[in-house]
């Protein structure tokens, strides 16, 4: 096996189309479409996590296998005692 990235791939245009399709169901302040370089993205993501926000991470092809992590992830601050409960809230 050369890699674990055998799942589907979605272009930036595919993702924008999905966000546009569901944008009416999300408050305007919930998301912004903005292209960032990797350093800005990492800094803004780390800052958001440190503020207690939960991040949905989606990049490249979906990984396949028992230890698949990274390209499709939900990120939260592990230092917070309540983060497990926040991540397990249903319907939000």
N, C-alpha and C. Protein backbone atom coordinates (compact mmCIF):
# COMPACT_ATOMS: atom_id res chain seq x y z
N UNK A 1 0.85 -1.17 0.00
CA UNK A 1 0.00 0.00 0.00
C UNK A 1 0.89 1.23 0.00
N UNK A 2 0.70 2.11 -0.97
CA UNK A 2 1.51 3.32 -1.09
C UNK A 2 1.04 4.44 -0.17
N UNK A 3 -0.27 4.49 0.08
CA UNK A 3 -0.84 5.54 0.92
C UNK A 3 -2.24 5.11 1.35
N UNK A 4 -2.86 5.93 2.20
CA UNK A 4 -4.20 5.60 2.70
C UNK A 4 -5.28 6.50 2.10
N UNK A 5 -4.93 7.31 1.12
CA UNK A 5 -5.84 8.32 0.57
C UNK A 5 -6.60 7.80 -0.64
N UNK A 6 -7.50 6.83 -0.43
CA UNK A 6 -8.26 6.22 -1.50
C UNK A 6 -9.70 6.73 -1.56
N UNK A 7 -10.09 7.55 -0.61
CA UNK A 7 -11.47 8.04 -0.58
C UNK A 7 -11.70 9.13 -1.59
N UNK A 8 -12.92 9.67 -1.62
CA UNK A 8 -13.27 10.70 -2.61
C UNK A 8 -12.51 12.00 -2.37
N UNK A 9 -12.36 12.75 -3.44
CA UNK A 9 -11.72 14.07 -3.41
C UNK A 9 -12.76 15.10 -3.81
N UNK A 10 -12.74 16.25 -3.21
CA UNK A 10 -13.66 17.32 -3.54
C UNK A 10 -12.85 18.57 -3.86
N UNK A 11 -13.11 19.17 -5.01
CA UNK A 11 -12.40 20.39 -5.40
C UNK A 11 -12.91 21.57 -4.58
N UNK A 12 -12.18 22.66 -4.61
CA UNK A 12 -12.64 23.88 -3.93
C UNK A 12 -14.00 24.31 -4.47
N UNK A 13 -14.22 24.12 -5.78
CA UNK A 13 -15.50 24.48 -6.39
C UNK A 13 -16.63 23.59 -5.86
N UNK A 14 -16.35 22.28 -5.70
CA UNK A 14 -17.36 21.37 -5.11
C UNK A 14 -17.75 21.83 -3.71
N UNK A 15 -16.76 22.17 -2.92
CA UNK A 15 -17.00 22.58 -1.53
C UNK A 15 -17.77 23.89 -1.49
N UNK A 16 -17.39 24.86 -2.34
CA UNK A 16 -18.11 26.13 -2.40
C UNK A 16 -19.57 25.91 -2.79
N UNK A 17 -19.81 25.03 -3.75
CA UNK A 17 -21.19 24.74 -4.17
C UNK A 17 -22.02 24.18 -3.01
N UNK A 18 -21.44 23.29 -2.22
CA UNK A 18 -22.15 22.71 -1.06
C UNK A 18 -22.42 23.79 -0.01
N UNK A 19 -21.42 24.62 0.27
CA UNK A 19 -21.62 25.70 1.23
C UNK A 19 -22.71 26.66 0.76
N UNK A 20 -22.71 26.99 -0.54
CA UNK A 20 -23.75 27.86 -1.08
C UNK A 20 -25.13 27.21 -0.94
N UNK A 21 -25.20 25.91 -1.20
CA UNK A 21 -26.47 25.18 -1.12
C UNK A 21 -27.06 25.24 0.29
N UNK A 22 -26.22 25.14 1.31
CA UNK A 22 -26.70 25.09 2.69
C UNK A 22 -26.55 26.43 3.43
N UNK A 23 -26.09 27.46 2.76
CA UNK A 23 -25.81 28.73 3.44
C UNK A 23 -27.04 29.35 4.09
N UNK A 24 -28.22 29.13 3.52
CA UNK A 24 -29.44 29.70 4.11
C UNK A 24 -29.77 29.07 5.46
N UNK A 25 -29.29 27.85 5.69
CA UNK A 25 -29.57 27.15 6.94
C UNK A 25 -28.58 27.50 8.04
N UNK A 26 -27.51 28.21 7.69
CA UNK A 26 -26.48 28.57 8.66
C UNK A 26 -26.49 30.07 8.89
N UNK A 27 -26.33 30.50 10.13
CA UNK A 27 -26.23 31.95 10.37
C UNK A 27 -25.03 32.51 9.60
N UNK A 28 -25.18 33.72 9.10
CA UNK A 28 -24.11 34.34 8.29
C UNK A 28 -22.78 34.39 9.02
N UNK A 29 -22.80 34.50 10.33
CA UNK A 29 -21.56 34.60 11.09
C UNK A 29 -20.90 33.24 11.32
N UNK A 30 -21.55 32.15 10.91
CA UNK A 30 -21.03 30.82 11.18
C UNK A 30 -19.82 30.48 10.34
N UNK A 31 -19.80 30.91 9.10
CA UNK A 31 -18.68 30.55 8.25
C UNK A 31 -18.38 31.63 7.23
N UNK A 32 -17.16 31.62 6.75
CA UNK A 32 -16.72 32.51 5.68
C UNK A 32 -15.90 31.65 4.73
N UNK A 33 -16.02 31.93 3.44
CA UNK A 33 -15.18 31.25 2.46
C UNK A 33 -14.00 32.18 2.20
N UNK A 34 -12.82 31.73 2.57
CA UNK A 34 -11.63 32.55 2.41
C UNK A 34 -10.44 31.62 2.21
N UNK A 35 -9.66 31.87 1.19
CA UNK A 35 -8.48 31.06 0.93
C UNK A 35 -7.32 31.65 1.73
N UNK A 36 -6.64 30.80 2.49
CA UNK A 36 -5.50 31.23 3.29
C UNK A 36 -4.28 30.40 2.93
N UNK A 37 -3.12 31.01 3.09
CA UNK A 37 -1.94 30.17 2.93
C UNK A 37 -1.83 29.29 4.17
N UNK A 38 -1.06 28.24 4.09
CA UNK A 38 -1.02 27.22 5.15
C UNK A 38 -0.59 27.79 6.50
N UNK A 39 0.32 28.76 6.51
CA UNK A 39 0.75 29.35 7.79
C UNK A 39 -0.38 30.15 8.43
N UNK A 40 -1.10 30.94 7.64
CA UNK A 40 -2.25 31.69 8.18
C UNK A 40 -3.34 30.74 8.64
N UNK A 41 -3.58 29.70 7.86
CA UNK A 41 -4.60 28.72 8.23
C UNK A 41 -4.26 28.05 9.55
N UNK A 42 -3.01 27.63 9.71
CA UNK A 42 -2.59 26.98 10.95
C UNK A 42 -2.71 27.93 12.14
N UNK A 43 -2.29 29.17 11.97
CA UNK A 43 -2.36 30.15 13.06
C UNK A 43 -3.81 30.45 13.45
N UNK A 44 -4.68 30.66 12.47
CA UNK A 44 -6.08 30.96 12.77
C UNK A 44 -6.79 29.76 13.39
N UNK A 45 -6.44 28.56 12.92
CA UNK A 45 -7.04 27.36 13.49
C UNK A 45 -6.61 27.17 14.94
N UNK A 46 -5.32 27.33 15.21
CA UNK A 46 -4.82 27.20 16.58
C UNK A 46 -5.45 28.25 17.50
N UNK A 47 -5.60 29.46 17.00
CA UNK A 47 -6.23 30.52 17.80
C UNK A 47 -7.68 30.18 18.11
N UNK A 48 -8.42 29.70 17.11
CA UNK A 48 -9.82 29.34 17.31
C UNK A 48 -9.95 28.21 18.33
N UNK A 49 -9.10 27.20 18.23
CA UNK A 49 -9.14 26.09 19.19
C UNK A 49 -8.82 26.59 20.59
N UNK A 50 -7.84 27.49 20.71
CA UNK A 50 -7.48 28.00 22.04
C UNK A 50 -8.61 28.83 22.65
N UNK A 51 -9.51 29.35 21.81
CA UNK A 51 -10.68 30.10 22.29
C UNK A 51 -11.86 29.20 22.61
N UNK A 52 -11.66 27.87 22.47
CA UNK A 52 -12.72 26.93 22.80
C UNK A 52 -13.64 26.57 21.65
N UNK A 53 -13.31 27.04 20.44
CA UNK A 53 -14.14 26.71 19.29
C UNK A 53 -13.82 25.30 18.79
N UNK A 54 -14.78 24.69 18.13
CA UNK A 54 -14.60 23.37 17.54
C UNK A 54 -14.42 23.57 16.04
N UNK A 55 -13.44 22.89 15.48
CA UNK A 55 -13.08 23.06 14.06
C UNK A 55 -13.36 21.77 13.30
N UNK A 56 -14.04 21.90 12.17
CA UNK A 56 -14.19 20.79 11.24
C UNK A 56 -13.09 20.89 10.21
N UNK A 57 -12.20 19.90 10.15
CA UNK A 57 -11.05 19.94 9.25
C UNK A 57 -11.31 19.00 8.08
N UNK A 58 -11.23 19.53 6.88
CA UNK A 58 -11.57 18.79 5.67
C UNK A 58 -10.54 19.17 4.61
N UNK A 59 -9.75 18.20 4.16
CA UNK A 59 -8.74 18.50 3.14
C UNK A 59 -8.41 17.25 2.33
N UNK A 60 -8.08 17.45 1.09
CA UNK A 60 -7.61 16.35 0.25
C UNK A 60 -8.57 15.17 0.17
N UNK A 61 -8.02 14.03 -0.18
CA UNK A 61 -8.82 12.81 -0.27
C UNK A 61 -9.07 12.24 1.12
N UNK A 62 -10.21 11.59 1.26
CA UNK A 62 -10.53 10.91 2.52
C UNK A 62 -9.58 9.72 2.70
N UNK A 63 -9.12 9.54 3.91
CA UNK A 63 -8.25 8.41 4.21
C UNK A 63 -9.08 7.15 4.41
N UNK A 64 -8.46 6.03 4.20
CA UNK A 64 -9.12 4.74 4.33
C UNK A 64 -8.28 3.86 5.24
N UNK A 65 -8.89 3.25 6.23
CA UNK A 65 -8.17 2.33 7.09
C UNK A 65 -8.48 2.53 8.55
N UNK A 66 -8.02 1.61 9.39
CA UNK A 66 -8.36 1.64 10.82
C UNK A 66 -7.71 2.79 11.59
N UNK A 67 -6.70 3.39 11.06
CA UNK A 67 -6.04 4.50 11.76
C UNK A 67 -6.10 5.79 10.96
N UNK A 68 -7.14 5.93 10.17
CA UNK A 68 -7.29 7.11 9.31
C UNK A 68 -7.61 8.33 10.17
N UNK A 69 -6.75 9.30 10.14
CA UNK A 69 -6.92 10.56 10.86
C UNK A 69 -6.35 11.69 10.01
N UNK A 70 -6.82 12.89 10.23
CA UNK A 70 -6.16 14.04 9.63
C UNK A 70 -6.93 14.74 8.54
N UNK A 71 -7.30 14.07 7.47
CA UNK A 71 -7.94 14.77 6.37
C UNK A 71 -9.42 15.04 6.61
N UNK A 72 -10.04 14.32 7.51
CA UNK A 72 -11.42 14.57 7.93
C UNK A 72 -11.41 14.47 9.45
N UNK A 73 -11.38 15.59 10.12
CA UNK A 73 -11.26 15.57 11.58
C UNK A 73 -12.13 16.64 12.22
N UNK A 74 -12.50 16.39 13.46
CA UNK A 74 -13.14 17.38 14.32
C UNK A 74 -12.11 17.71 15.39
N UNK A 75 -11.73 18.97 15.47
CA UNK A 75 -10.65 19.39 16.37
C UNK A 75 -11.21 20.24 17.50
N UNK A 76 -10.75 19.97 18.70
CA UNK A 76 -11.13 20.75 19.87
C UNK A 76 -9.97 20.79 20.84
N UNK A 77 -10.03 21.69 21.79
CA UNK A 77 -8.95 21.87 22.76
C UNK A 77 -8.98 20.75 23.80
N UNK A 78 -7.98 19.87 23.81
CA UNK A 78 -7.99 18.75 24.76
C UNK A 78 -7.72 19.18 26.20
N UNK A 79 -7.32 20.43 26.40
CA UNK A 79 -7.07 20.91 27.76
C UNK A 79 -8.35 21.23 28.50
N UNK A 80 -9.44 21.36 27.76
CA UNK A 80 -10.73 21.70 28.37
C UNK A 80 -11.39 20.45 28.91
N UNK A 81 -11.76 20.46 30.16
CA UNK A 81 -12.40 19.30 30.78
C UNK A 81 -13.77 19.02 30.16
N UNK A 82 -14.41 20.04 29.62
CA UNK A 82 -15.75 19.86 29.05
C UNK A 82 -15.76 19.60 27.54
N UNK A 83 -14.59 19.50 26.91
CA UNK A 83 -14.54 19.36 25.46
C UNK A 83 -15.21 18.08 24.97
N UNK A 84 -15.05 16.99 25.69
CA UNK A 84 -15.69 15.74 25.30
C UNK A 84 -17.20 15.92 25.24
N UNK A 85 -17.77 16.59 26.24
CA UNK A 85 -19.21 16.83 26.26
C UNK A 85 -19.62 17.76 25.12
N UNK A 86 -18.82 18.78 24.84
CA UNK A 86 -19.12 19.70 23.75
C UNK A 86 -19.13 18.96 22.42
N UNK A 87 -18.15 18.12 22.19
CA UNK A 87 -18.05 17.38 20.93
C UNK A 87 -19.17 16.36 20.78
N UNK A 88 -19.74 15.91 21.88
CA UNK A 88 -20.79 14.89 21.81
C UNK A 88 -22.21 15.45 21.85
N UNK A 89 -22.35 16.78 21.82
CA UNK A 89 -23.68 17.39 21.78
C UNK A 89 -24.34 17.02 20.46
N UNK A 90 -25.55 16.54 20.53
CA UNK A 90 -26.30 16.14 19.33
C UNK A 90 -27.18 17.28 18.85
N UNK A 91 -27.26 17.43 17.54
CA UNK A 91 -28.21 18.35 16.94
C UNK A 91 -27.80 19.80 16.90
N UNK A 92 -26.53 20.09 17.07
CA UNK A 92 -26.11 21.51 17.04
C UNK A 92 -25.20 21.74 15.86
